Amino acid sequence: MVLSAGTLDPYGIIAAQSPGQGAWMLLQQPVAALLFYTCMLAESNRAPFDLAEAESELVGGYHTEYSSMRFAMFFLAEYFHMVTGAAFFSVLFLGGWSLNPFGTGPDLASQGGPLLILAQMGIMLGKTGLVVAFGMAIRWTLPRFRFDQLMRLAWEGMIPTALLMLLITAAFEFMGWGDRIWLGSLLCIAAAYLLGPMLPRQANPNHRIGLIGSRFSPVIEGTGSVSNHPVALSDAAIPDRRQGPASIH
């Protein structure tokens, strides 16, 4: 966003998304918006990145050691973090107090009297509330990642995509194509789709280790050898009924 707007000033970033300057960054750089929102959820320990909390698995920890308002402060801090991140997202990608996302046509003025200031505050609060509500919907919808899934998402997905988007944005701005940066996002998506399968992959983390006597590697009675039953050889989390009964005992 700093490369696209050419400034670190939040007012300058909002001005770069106003009519006559450019469309909202959400339309110009959807890939960057998705990366930022995902990192915002992870930074605020929101599902599906709440691995530090894992309230459905853990009984001990700081949640047991605190109660009453001290316990409530942890959750208030989490939601304040969400509000702060949502406000940053509104400024960087939703045009701040702008109402016109397309960069052409009428829009709310940037300077004016008290009524304009109240209108700008109301628009910012409304956008922030929508972003927070979307984060709540994600918490109700998606299950928590495993640690290996989180590491794979970060190292094999988000970090290379973010670096590629940074290089594309720098190249477009250097060539003077800043008003067509959305083509760079499409180029980034195409590159991820074409080059992604060529990158080295992590070994299957769900590979089962054979245990004598388990239903996943049952010993054939009287022989001492391990069965070649399809369920015993499959690494699928849920056995397929078409493979036969889940147990041969």
C-alpha atoms as a PDB file:
ATOM      1  CA  MET A   1       0.000   0.000   0.000  1.00  0.00           C
ATOM      2  CA  VAL A   2       2.909   2.349   0.696  1.00  0.00           C
ATOM      3  CA  LEU A   3       4.313   1.687  -2.790  1.00  0.00           C
ATOM      4  CA  SER A   4       0.931   2.276  -4.427  1.00  0.00           C
ATOM      5  CA  ALA A   5       0.072   5.424  -2.460  1.00  0.00           C
ATOM      6  CA  GLY A   6       3.631   6.796  -2.343  1.00  0.00           C
ATOM      7  CA  THR A   7       3.292   7.856   1.299  1.00  0.00           C
ATOM      8  CA  LEU A   8       3.155   6.558   4.871  1.00  0.00           C
ATOM      9  CA  ASP A   9       0.582   9.185   5.871  1.00  0.00           C
ATOM     10  CA  PRO A  10      -2.864   7.595   6.471  1.00  0.00           C
ATOM     11  CA  TYR A  11      -4.539  10.696   5.016  1.00  0.00           C
ATOM     12  CA  GLY A  12      -2.381  10.321   1.908  1.00  0.00           C
ATOM     13  CA  ILE A  13      -3.334   6.643   1.587  1.00  0.00           C
ATOM     14  CA  ILE A  14      -7.026   7.568   1.830  1.00  0.00           C
ATOM     15  CA  ALA A  15      -6.548  10.387  -0.690  1.00  0.00           C
ATOM     16  CA  ALA A  16      -4.954   7.916  -3.128  1.00  0.00           C
ATOM     17  CA  GLN A  17      -8.253   5.987  -3.049  1.00  0.00           C
ATOM     18  CA  SER A  18     -10.494   8.999  -3.667  1.00  0.00           C
ATOM     19  CA  PRO A  19     -12.261   9.891  -6.963  1.00  0.00           C
ATOM     20  CA  GLY A  20      -9.817  11.256  -9.487  1.00  0.00           C
ATOM     21  CA  GLN A  21      -6.905   9.466  -7.815  1.00  0.00           C
ATOM     22  CA  GLY A  22      -7.798   5.781  -7.850  1.00  0.00           C
ATOM     23  CA  ALA A  23     -10.214   3.081  -6.771  1.00  0.00           C
ATOM     24  CA  TRP A  24     -10.212   1.437  -3.364  1.00  0.00           C
ATOM     25  CA  MET A  25      -7.174  -0.762  -2.784  1.00  0.00           C
ATOM     26  CA  LEU A  26      -9.532  -3.691  -2.241  1.00  0.00           C
ATOM     27  CA  LEU A  27     -10.331  -3.491  -5.966  1.00  0.00           C
ATOM     28  CA  GLN A  28      -6.817  -2.611  -7.074  1.00  0.00           C
ATOM     29  CA  GLN A  29      -4.952  -5.173  -4.957  1.00  0.00           C
ATOM     30  CA  PRO A  30      -7.324  -7.959  -3.818  1.00  0.00           C
ATOM     31  CA  VAL A  31      -4.417 -10.353  -3.227  1.00  0.00           C
ATOM     32  CA  ALA A  32      -2.760  -7.935  -0.809  1.00  0.00           C
ATOM     33  CA  ALA A  33      -6.107  -7.364   0.914  1.00  0.00           C
ATOM     34  CA  LEU A  34      -6.583 -11.109   1.414  1.00  0.00           C
ATOM     35  CA  LEU A  35      -3.057 -11.493   2.783  1.00  0.00           C
ATOM     36  CA  PHE A  36      -3.485  -8.538   5.141  1.00  0.00           C
ATOM     37  CA  TYR A  37      -6.832  -9.765   6.469  1.00  0.00           C
ATOM     38  CA  THR A  38      -5.479 -13.275   7.033  1.00  0.00           C
ATOM     39  CA  CYS A  39      -2.481 -11.867   8.928  1.00  0.00           C
ATOM     40  CA  MET A  40      -4.828  -9.650  10.933  1.00  0.00           C
ATOM     41  CA  LEU A  41      -6.755 -12.717  12.118  1.00  0.00           C
ATOM     42  CA  ALA A  42      -3.525 -14.512  12.991  1.00  0.00           C
ATOM     43  CA  GLU A  43      -2.066 -11.506  14.826  1.00  0.00           C
ATOM     44  CA  SER A  44      -5.161 -11.147  17.000  1.00  0.00           C
ATOM     45  CA  ASN A  45      -5.263 -14.920  17.772  1.00  0.00           C
ATOM     46  CA  ARG A  46      -8.644 -15.288  16.087  1.00  0.00           C
ATOM     47  CA  ALA A  47      -9.890 -18.574  14.671  1.00  0.00           C
ATOM     48  CA  PRO A  48      -8.712 -20.395  12.661  1.00  0.00           C
ATOM     49  CA  PHE A  49      -5.339 -19.174  14.021  1.00  0.00           C
ATOM     50  CA  ASP A  50      -6.085 -19.337  17.759  1.00  0.00           C
ATOM     51  CA  LEU A  51      -3.448 -22.006  18.374  1.00  0.00           C
ATOM     52  CA  ALA A  52      -2.069 -20.105  21.352  1.00  0.00           C
ATOM     53  CA  GLU A  53      -5.425 -20.431  23.082  1.00  0.00           C
ATOM     54  CA  ALA A  54      -6.962 -23.715  21.840  1.00  0.00           C
ATOM     55  CA  GLU A  55      -9.786 -23.387  24.348  1.00  0.00           C
ATOM     56  CA  SER A  56     -11.482 -26.572  23.163  1.00  0.00           C
ATOM     57  CA  GLU A  57      -8.413 -28.730  23.985  1.00  0.00           C
ATOM     58  CA  LEU A  58      -6.662 -27.073  26.933  1.00  0.00           C
ATOM     59  CA  VAL A  59      -7.766 -27.049  30.558  1.00  0.00           C
ATOM     60  CA  GLY A  60      -4.630 -25.508  32.059  1.00  0.00           C
ATOM     61  CA  GLY A  61      -2.777 -22.338  31.226  1.00  0.00           C
ATOM     62  CA  TYR A  62      -3.513 -18.696  31.884  1.00  0.00           C
ATOM     63  CA  HIS A  63      -7.260 -19.180  31.274  1.00  0.00           C
ATOM     64  CA  THR A  64      -7.410 -21.363  34.369  1.00  0.00           C
ATOM     65  CA  GLU A  65      -5.250 -19.079  36.491  1.00  0.00           C
ATOM     66  CA  TYR A  66      -7.460 -16.010  35.919  1.00  0.00           C
ATOM     67  CA  SER A  67     -11.166 -15.564  36.515  1.00  0.00           C
ATOM     68  CA  SER A  68     -13.843 -12.889  36.669  1.00  0.00           C
ATOM     69  CA  MET A  69     -12.823  -9.521  35.174  1.00  0.00           C
ATOM     70  CA  ARG A  70      -9.179 -10.569  34.854  1.00  0.00           C
ATOM     71  CA  PHE A  71     -10.346 -13.392  32.607  1.00  0.00           C
ATOM     72  CA  ALA A  72     -12.627 -10.979  30.710  1.00  0.00           C
ATOM     73  CA  MET A  73      -9.704  -8.634  30.046  1.00  0.00           C
ATOM     74  CA  PHE A  74      -8.075 -11.271  27.812  1.00  0.00           C
ATOM     75  CA  PHE A  75     -11.146 -11.421  25.617  1.00  0.00           C
ATOM     76  CA  LEU A  76     -11.580  -7.652  25.630  1.00  0.00           C
ATOM     77  CA  ALA A  77      -7.950  -7.270  24.535  1.00  0.00           C
ATOM     78  CA  GLU A  78      -8.572  -9.763  21.724  1.00  0.00           C
ATOM     79  CA  TYR A  79     -11.563  -7.810  20.456  1.00  0.00           C
ATOM     80  CA  PHE A  80      -9.767  -4.466  20.821  1.00  0.00           C
ATOM     81  CA  HIS A  81      -7.021  -5.996  18.685  1.00  0.00           C
ATOM     82  CA  MET A  82      -9.656  -6.972  16.131  1.00  0.00           C
ATOM     83  CA  VAL A  83     -11.092  -3.456  16.130  1.00  0.00           C
ATOM     84  CA  THR A  84      -7.646  -1.921  15.619  1.00  0.00           C
ATOM     85  CA  GLY A  85      -6.845  -4.297  12.767  1.00  0.00           C
ATOM     86  CA  ALA A  86     -10.256  -3.698  11.175  1.00  0.00           C
ATOM     87  CA  ALA A  87      -9.684   0.075  11.328  1.00  0.00           C
ATOM     88  CA  PHE A  88      -6.296  -0.351   9.601  1.00  0.00           C
ATOM     89  CA  PHE A  89      -7.941  -2.541   6.967  1.00  0.00           C
ATOM     90  CA  SER A  90     -10.600   0.118   6.372  1.00  0.00           C
ATOM     91  CA  VAL A  91      -7.955   2.798   5.889  1.00  0.00           C
ATOM     92  CA  LEU A  92      -5.652   0.728   3.677  1.00  0.00           C
ATOM     93  CA  PHE A  93      -8.158  -1.112   1.507  1.00  0.00           C
ATOM     94  CA  LEU A  94     -11.651   0.386   1.921  1.00  0.00           C
ATOM     95  CA  GLY A  95     -10.844   4.029   1.245  1.00  0.00           C
ATOM     96  CA  GLY A  96     -11.264   5.280   4.815  1.00  0.00           C
ATOM     97  CA  TRP A  97     -14.316   7.565   4.818  1.00  0.00           C
ATOM     98  CA  SER A  98     -14.758   7.280   1.039  1.00  0.00           C
ATOM     99  CA  LEU A  99     -18.139   6.053  -0.224  1.00  0.00           C
ATOM    100  CA  ASN A 100     -17.273   5.593  -3.903  1.00  0.00           C
ATOM    101  CA  PRO A 101     -15.103   2.503  -4.465  1.00  0.00           C
ATOM    102  CA  PHE A 102     -14.480   2.991  -8.194  1.00  0.00           C
ATOM    103  CA  GLY A 103     -12.387   6.166  -8.272  1.00  0.00           C
ATOM    104  CA  THR A 104     -14.749   8.099 -10.554  1.00  0.00           C
ATOM    105  CA  GLY A 105     -17.845  10.093  -9.784  1.00  0.00           C
ATOM    106  CA  PRO A 106     -19.052  11.939  -6.666  1.00  0.00           C
ATOM    107  CA  ASP A 107     -17.811  11.140  -3.190  1.00  0.00           C
ATOM    108  CA  LEU A 108     -17.693  12.527   0.329  1.00  0.00           C
ATOM    109  CA  ALA A 109     -15.524  15.624   0.693  1.00  0.00           C
ATOM    110  CA  SER A 110     -12.242  15.337   2.577  1.00  0.00           C
ATOM    111  CA  GLN A 111     -12.559  18.699   4.374  1.00  0.00           C
ATOM    112  CA  GLY A 112     -15.519  20.482   5.875  1.00  0.00           C
ATOM    113  CA  GLY A 113     -17.408  21.379   9.020  1.00  0.00           C
ATOM    114  CA  PRO A 114     -18.557  19.369  12.051  1.00  0.00           C
ATOM    115  CA  LEU A 115     -21.301  17.548  10.148  1.00  0.00           C
ATOM    116  CA  LEU A 116     -18.774  16.264   7.607  1.00  0.00           C
ATOM    117  CA  ILE A 117     -16.480  15.153  10.417  1.00  0.00           C
ATOM    118  CA  LEU A 118     -19.329  13.220  12.054  1.00  0.00           C
ATOM    119  CA  ALA A 119     -20.205  11.645   8.706  1.00  0.00           C
ATOM    120  CA  GLN A 120     -16.596  10.562   8.175  1.00  0.00           C
ATOM    121  CA  MET A 121     -16.473   9.085  11.674  1.00  0.00           C
ATOM    122  CA  GLY A 122     -19.738   7.228  11.091  1.00  0.00           C
ATOM    123  CA  ILE A 123     -18.510   5.768   7.793  1.00  0.00           C
ATOM    124  CA  MET A 124     -15.240   4.628   9.372  1.00  0.00           C
ATOM    125  CA  LEU A 125     -17.062   3.045  12.315  1.00  0.00           C
ATOM    126  CA  GLY A 126     -19.459   1.307   9.938  1.00  0.00           C
ATOM    127  CA  LYS A 127     -16.660  -0.151   7.829  1.00  0.00           C
ATOM    128  CA  THR A 128     -14.742  -1.214  10.928  1.00  0.00           C
ATOM    129  CA  GLY A 129     -17.850  -2.928  12.298  1.00  0.00           C
ATOM    130  CA  LEU A 130     -18.391  -4.820   9.037  1.00  0.00           C
ATOM    131  CA  VAL A 131     -14.797  -6.059   9.010  1.00  0.00           C
ATOM    132  CA  VAL A 132     -15.079  -7.200  12.650  1.00  0.00           C
ATOM    133  CA  ALA A 133     -18.401  -8.927  11.902  1.00  0.00           C
ATOM    134  CA  PHE A 134     -16.770 -10.767   9.008  1.00  0.00           C
ATOM    135  CA  GLY A 135     -14.057 -11.968  11.406  1.00  0.00           C
ATOM    136  CA  MET A 136     -16.759 -13.256  13.757  1.00  0.00           C
ATOM    137  CA  ALA A 137     -18.397 -15.125  10.876  1.00  0.00           C
ATOM    138  CA  ILE A 138     -15.044 -16.756  10.074  1.00  0.00           C
ATOM    139  CA  ARG A 139     -14.696 -17.857  13.709  1.00  0.00           C
ATOM    140  CA  TRP A 140     -18.103 -19.535  13.557  1.00  0.00           C
ATOM    141  CA  THR A 141     -17.370 -21.187  10.204  1.00  0.00           C
ATOM    142  CA  LEU A 142     -13.792 -22.467   9.899  1.00  0.00           C
ATOM    143  CA  PRO A 143     -12.106 -25.086  12.101  1.00  0.00           C
ATOM    144  CA  ARG A 144      -8.728 -24.441  13.682  1.00  0.00           C
ATOM    145  CA  PHE A 145      -5.576 -25.184  11.700  1.00  0.00           C
ATOM    146  CA  ARG A 146      -3.062 -27.735  12.873  1.00  0.00           C
ATOM    147  CA  PHE A 147       0.468 -26.464  13.451  1.00  0.00           C
ATOM    148  CA  ASP A 148       1.779 -28.202  10.329  1.00  0.00           C
ATOM    149  CA  GLN A 149      -1.066 -26.703   8.267  1.00  0.00           C
ATOM    150  CA  LEU A 150      -0.276 -23.241   9.637  1.00  0.00           C
ATOM    151  CA  MET A 151       3.425 -23.577   8.794  1.00  0.00           C
ATOM    152  CA  ARG A 152       2.593 -24.826   5.297  1.00  0.00           C
ATOM    153  CA  LEU A 153       0.159 -21.949   4.725  1.00  0.00           C
ATOM    154  CA  ALA A 154       2.788 -19.430   5.813  1.00  0.00           C
ATOM    155  CA  TRP A 155       5.989 -20.770   4.213  1.00  0.00           C
ATOM    156  CA  GLU A 156       4.571 -22.369   1.071  1.00  0.00           C
ATOM    157  CA  GLY A 157       1.709 -19.958   0.434  1.00  0.00           C
ATOM    158  CA  MET A 158       1.495 -16.533   2.014  1.00  0.00           C
ATOM    159  CA  ILE A 159       5.172 -15.523   2.248  1.00  0.00           C
ATOM    160  CA  PRO A 160       6.040 -16.333  -1.418  1.00  0.00           C
ATOM    161  CA  THR A 161       2.782 -14.712  -2.591  1.00  0.00           C
ATOM    162  CA  ALA A 162       3.444 -11.565  -0.538  1.00  0.00           C
ATOM    163  CA  LEU A 163       7.008 -11.248  -1.896  1.00  0.00           C
ATOM    164  CA  LEU A 164       5.776 -11.793  -5.453  1.00  0.00           C
ATOM    165  CA  MET A 165       3.035  -9.167  -4.999  1.00  0.00           C
ATOM    166  CA  LEU A 166       5.625  -6.741  -3.598  1.00  0.00           C
ATOM    167  CA  LEU A 167       7.887  -7.202  -6.643  1.00  0.00           C
ATOM    168  CA  ILE A 168       4.969  -6.839  -9.063  1.00  0.00           C
ATOM    169  CA  THR A 169       3.774  -3.647  -7.347  1.00  0.00           C
ATOM    170  CA  ALA A 170       7.280  -2.171  -7.415  1.00  0.00           C
ATOM    171  CA  ALA A 171       7.633  -3.005 -11.128  1.00  0.00           C
ATOM    172  CA  PHE A 172       4.237  -1.520 -12.018  1.00  0.00           C
ATOM    173  CA  GLU A 173       4.949   1.680 -10.097  1.00  0.00           C
ATOM    174  CA  PHE A 174       8.399   1.985 -11.678  1.00  0.00           C
ATOM    175  CA  MET A 175       6.886   1.639 -15.154  1.00  0.00           C
ATOM    176  CA  GLY A 176       4.139   4.149 -14.364  1.00  0.00           C
ATOM    177  CA  TRP A 177       1.338   1.597 -14.524  1.00  0.00           C
ATOM    178  CA  GLY A 178       0.018   2.285 -11.028  1.00  0.00           C
ATOM    179  CA  ASP A 179      -3.531   2.814 -12.276  1.00  0.00           C
ATOM    180  CA  ARG A 180      -3.521  -0.731 -13.684  1.00  0.00           C
ATOM    181  CA  ILE A 181      -2.108  -2.485 -10.632  1.00  0.00           C
ATOM    182  CA  TRP A 182      -5.134  -4.805 -10.626  1.00  0.00           C
ATOM    183  CA  LEU A 183      -3.496  -6.492 -13.613  1.00  0.00           C
ATOM    184  CA  GLY A 184      -0.563  -7.207 -11.318  1.00  0.00           C
ATOM    185  CA  SER A 185      -2.898  -8.988  -8.906  1.00  0.00           C
ATOM    186  CA  LEU A 186      -4.211 -11.124 -11.753  1.00  0.00           C
ATOM    187  CA  LEU A 187      -0.608 -11.834 -12.786  1.00  0.00           C
ATOM    188  CA  CYS A 188       0.216 -12.868  -9.204  1.00  0.00           C
ATOM    189  CA  ILE A 189      -2.771 -15.244  -9.093  1.00  0.00           C
ATOM    190  CA  ALA A 190      -1.793 -16.755 -12.454  1.00  0.00           C
ATOM    191  CA  ALA A 191       1.835 -17.216 -11.328  1.00  0.00           C
ATOM    192  CA  ALA A 192       0.719 -18.900  -8.081  1.00  0.00           C
ATOM    193  CA  TYR A 193      -1.602 -21.201 -10.020  1.00  0.00           C
ATOM    194  CA  LEU A 194       1.026 -22.183 -12.599  1.00  0.00           C
ATOM    195  CA  LEU A 195       4.160 -22.280 -10.450  1.00  0.00           C
ATOM    196  CA  GLY A 196       2.600 -23.566  -7.226  1.00  0.00           C
ATOM    197  CA  PRO A 197       2.527 -27.250  -8.285  1.00  0.00           C
ATOM    198  CA  MET A 198       6.224 -27.036  -9.227  1.00  0.00           C
ATOM    199  CA  LEU A 199       7.378 -25.975  -5.757  1.00  0.00           C
ATOM    200  CA  PRO A 200       8.691 -28.605  -3.313  1.00  0.00           C
ATOM    201  CA  ARG A 201       6.039 -29.978  -1.021  1.00  0.00           C
ATOM    202  CA  GLN A 202       6.037 -31.115   2.592  1.00  0.00           C
ATOM    203  CA  ALA A 203       5.866 -34.841   3.178  1.00  0.00           C
ATOM    204  CA  ASN A 204       2.445 -36.144   4.160  1.00  0.00           C
ATOM    205  CA  PRO A 205       2.077 -35.241   7.859  1.00  0.00           C
ATOM    206  CA  ASN A 206      -0.832 -37.683   8.278  1.00  0.00           C
ATOM    207  CA  HIS A 207       1.173 -40.783   7.480  1.00  0.00           C
ATOM    208  CA  ARG A 208       0.257 -43.503   9.932  1.00  0.00           C
ATOM    209  CA  ILE A 209       2.874 -45.471  11.772  1.00  0.00           C
ATOM    210  CA  GLY A 210       1.976 -49.131  11.953  1.00  0.00           C
ATOM    211  CA  LEU A 211       1.266 -50.372  15.462  1.00  0.00           C
ATOM    212  CA  ILE A 212       0.973 -54.066  16.101  1.00  0.00           C
ATOM    213  CA  GLY A 213      -2.592 -54.948  17.014  1.00  0.00           C
ATOM    214  CA  SER A 214      -4.180 -51.690  15.821  1.00  0.00           C
ATOM    215  CA  ARG A 215      -6.948 -51.624  13.271  1.00  0.00           C
ATOM    216  CA  PHE A 216      -4.687 -49.658  10.950  1.00  0.00           C
ATOM    217  CA  SER A 217      -2.036 -52.371  10.797  1.00  0.00           C
ATOM    218  CA  PRO A 218      -3.624 -55.527  12.189  1.00  0.00           C
ATOM    219  CA  VAL A 219      -1.447 -58.603  12.397  1.00  0.00           C
ATOM    220  CA  ILE A 220      -2.744 -61.582  10.471  1.00  0.00           C
ATOM    221  CA  GLU A 221      -3.558 -64.215  13.066  1.00  0.00           C
ATOM    222  CA  GLY A 222      -1.133 -67.104  13.152  1.00  0.00           C
ATOM    223  CA  THR A 223       1.344 -65.624  10.670  1.00  0.00           C
ATOM    224  CA  GLY A 224       2.907 -62.637  12.415  1.00  0.00           C
ATOM    225  CA  SER A 225       2.793 -60.605   9.204  1.00  0.00           C
ATOM    226  CA  VAL A 226       0.957 -57.305   8.706  1.00  0.00           C
ATOM    227  CA  SER A 227      -2.240 -57.249   6.687  1.00  0.00           C
ATOM    228  CA  ASN A 228      -2.480 -55.498   3.333  1.00  0.00           C
ATOM    229  CA  HIS A 229      -6.076 -54.492   4.004  1.00  0.00           C
ATOM    230  CA  PRO A 230      -6.949 -51.183   2.199  1.00  0.00           C
ATOM    231  CA  VAL A 231      -7.919 -49.462   5.440  1.00  0.00           C
ATOM    232  CA  ALA A 232      -4.615 -50.441   7.023  1.00  0.00           C
ATOM    233  CA  LEU A 233      -2.643 -49.002   4.108  1.00  0.00           C
ATOM    234  CA  SER A 234      -4.629 -45.765   3.692  1.00  0.00           C
ATOM    235  CA  ASP A 235      -3.575 -42.456   5.269  1.00  0.00           C
ATOM    236  CA  ALA A 236      -7.054 -40.939   4.886  1.00  0.00           C
ATOM    237  CA  ALA A 237      -8.437 -39.366   8.052  1.00  0.00           C
ATOM    238  CA  ILE A 238     -11.793 -41.116   7.547  1.00  0.00           C
ATOM    239  CA  PRO A 239     -11.774 -44.614   5.973  1.00  0.00           C
ATOM    240  CA  ASP A 240     -13.707 -44.977   2.740  1.00  0.00           C
ATOM    241  CA  ARG A 241     -16.607 -47.392   3.071  1.00  0.00           C
ATOM    242  CA  ARG A 242     -15.845 -48.704  -0.412  1.00  0.00           C
ATOM    243  CA  GLN A 243     -12.589 -50.162   0.974  1.00  0.00           C
ATOM    244  CA  GLY A 244     -14.554 -52.614   3.056  1.00  0.00           C
ATOM    245  CA  PRO A 245     -15.113 -52.833   6.830  1.00  0.00           C
ATOM    246  CA  ALA A 246     -12.968 -50.595   8.997  1.00  0.00           C
ATOM    247  CA  SER A 247     -11.703 -53.577  10.959  1.00  0.00           C
ATOM    248  CA  ILE A 248     -10.930 -57.140   9.899  1.00  0.00           C
ATOM    249  CA  HIS A 249     -10.934 -58.576  13.432  1.00  0.00           C
END
